[in-house]
Amino acid sequence: MKKKNRIKKAEEFQKLIKKGRKTVNHCFVFYYADKKEEEARIGITLTKKMGNAVVRNHIKRQVRMMCHELIDFKTFPYDGILIVRFGYLSQDYEKNKKNLEKALNIATIK
């Protein structure tokens, strides 16, 4: 996932969480709203309780890679925030990727 496709500012995170719609599953919460720029952007966050900085960065790298594989940022209609839940740790990469794909599909169907 390229840097131009990431949301980093806290204000943007809060705006999307407050005003956006959401989908929830065992591993992810996905808040989304119509995109503001030409390409879609995604922000990834998780709680400190999921592990130390090394573990959290590993999870974020995995989720960014999943997003890169699943989303075409030029045609995806939303900006979104992905919150990783504790269920993520109990499953392998492929199952987590399928859960993310389901959450994104539900968002695009609504």
Protein backbone atom coordinates (compact mmCIF):
# COMPACT_ATOMS: atom_id res chain seq x y z
CA MET A 1 0.00 0.00 0.00
CA LYS A 2 1.53 3.30 -1.08
CA LYS A 3 1.90 6.21 1.33
CA LYS A 4 -0.57 8.33 -0.64
CA ASN A 5 -3.21 5.67 0.10
CA ARG A 6 -2.79 5.90 3.88
CA ILE A 7 -4.61 8.02 6.44
CA LYS A 8 -2.25 9.19 9.18
CA LYS A 9 -3.74 12.27 10.84
CA ALA A 10 -5.68 11.81 14.06
CA GLU A 11 -8.33 14.33 12.95
CA GLU A 12 -9.10 12.29 9.85
CA PHE A 13 -9.35 9.11 11.92
CA GLN A 14 -11.81 10.75 14.30
CA LYS A 15 -13.89 12.27 11.51
CA LEU A 16 -14.29 8.92 9.75
CA ILE A 17 -15.11 7.10 12.98
CA LYS A 18 -17.73 9.68 14.02
CA LYS A 19 -19.39 10.28 10.66
CA GLY A 20 -18.73 7.07 8.75
CA ARG A 21 -20.65 3.85 8.47
CA LYS A 22 -19.15 0.62 9.77
CA THR A 23 -18.97 -3.11 9.26
CA VAL A 24 -17.80 -5.51 11.95
CA ASN A 25 -16.51 -9.06 11.99
CA HIS A 26 -14.38 -11.22 14.28
CA CYS A 27 -11.04 -9.70 13.21
CA PHE A 28 -11.79 -6.18 11.93
CA VAL A 29 -13.97 -3.12 12.34
CA PHE A 30 -14.11 -1.10 9.12
CA TYR A 31 -15.36 2.50 9.28
CA TYR A 32 -15.86 4.06 5.87
CA ALA A 33 -17.15 7.17 4.13
CA ASP A 34 -17.07 8.50 0.58
CA LYS A 35 -13.57 9.31 -0.57
CA LYS A 36 -12.39 12.91 -0.68
CA GLU A 37 -9.51 12.51 -3.11
CA GLU A 38 -8.97 10.81 -6.43
CA GLU A 39 -7.74 7.57 -4.85
CA ALA A 40 -9.11 5.79 -1.80
CA ARG A 41 -7.17 5.93 1.47
CA ILE A 42 -7.08 3.48 4.37
CA GLY A 43 -5.91 3.99 7.97
CA ILE A 44 -4.94 1.04 10.15
CA THR A 45 -5.02 1.04 13.94
CA LEU A 46 -4.91 -1.45 16.79
CA THR A 47 -4.71 -1.36 20.56
CA LYS A 48 -1.49 -1.51 22.58
CA LYS A 49 -2.92 -4.53 24.39
CA MET A 50 -2.29 -6.66 21.28
CA GLY A 51 1.45 -6.73 21.94
CA ASN A 52 4.62 -4.71 22.03
CA ALA A 53 5.66 -2.35 19.22
CA VAL A 54 7.33 -5.11 17.23
CA VAL A 55 4.18 -7.25 17.21
CA ARG A 56 1.91 -4.30 16.39
CA ASN A 57 4.11 -3.19 13.49
CA HIS A 58 4.17 -6.76 12.17
CA ILE A 59 0.36 -6.85 12.23
CA LYS A 60 0.11 -3.46 10.49
CA ARG A 61 2.52 -4.60 7.76
CA GLN A 62 0.42 -7.71 7.21
CA VAL A 63 -2.83 -5.73 7.03
CA ARG A 64 -1.28 -3.20 4.62
CA MET A 65 -0.21 -6.08 2.39
CA MET A 66 -3.73 -7.54 2.52
CA CYS A 67 -5.19 -4.16 1.55
CA HIS A 68 -2.68 -3.84 -1.29
CA GLU A 69 -3.78 -7.25 -2.63
CA LEU A 70 -7.53 -6.77 -2.16
CA ILE A 71 -8.21 -3.12 -3.00
CA ASP A 72 -7.85 -1.24 -6.26
CA PHE A 73 -7.44 2.22 -4.77
CA LYS A 74 -8.46 4.03 -7.97
CA THR A 75 -11.88 2.38 -8.16
CA PHE A 76 -12.63 1.67 -4.46
CA PRO A 77 -15.37 4.18 -3.54
CA TYR A 78 -14.46 4.84 0.12
CA ASP A 79 -11.86 6.16 2.51
CA GLY A 80 -11.72 3.89 5.53
CA ILE A 81 -10.31 3.10 8.94
CA LEU A 82 -9.47 -0.51 9.77
CA ILE A 83 -9.39 -1.36 13.47
CA VAL A 84 -7.74 -4.72 14.09
CA ARG A 85 -9.40 -6.77 16.85
CA PHE A 86 -8.03 -9.49 19.13
CA GLY A 87 -9.53 -12.22 16.92
CA TYR A 88 -6.80 -11.41 14.41
CA LEU A 89 -4.14 -13.01 16.62
CA SER A 90 -5.91 -16.38 16.82
CA GLN A 91 -6.01 -16.96 13.05
CA ASP A 92 -3.50 -17.33 10.25
CA TYR A 93 -2.82 -14.89 7.41
CA GLU A 94 -5.19 -16.50 4.87
CA LYS A 95 -8.17 -16.57 7.25
CA ASN A 96 -7.53 -12.97 8.26
CA LYS A 97 -7.33 -11.98 4.60
CA LYS A 98 -10.70 -13.66 3.93
CA ASN A 99 -12.22 -11.82 6.91
CA LEU A 100 -10.91 -8.52 5.58
CA GLU A 101 -12.26 -9.31 2.13
CA LYS A 102 -15.70 -10.03 3.62
CA ALA A 103 -15.69 -6.74 5.53
CA LEU A 104 -14.72 -4.80 2.38
CA ASN A 105 -17.35 -6.60 0.29
CA ILE A 106 -20.08 -5.80 2.81
CA ALA A 107 -19.04 -2.14 2.72
CA THR A 108 -19.19 -1.97 -1.09
CA ILE A 109 -22.56 -3.74 -1.25
CA LYS A 110 -24.31 -1.36 1.18
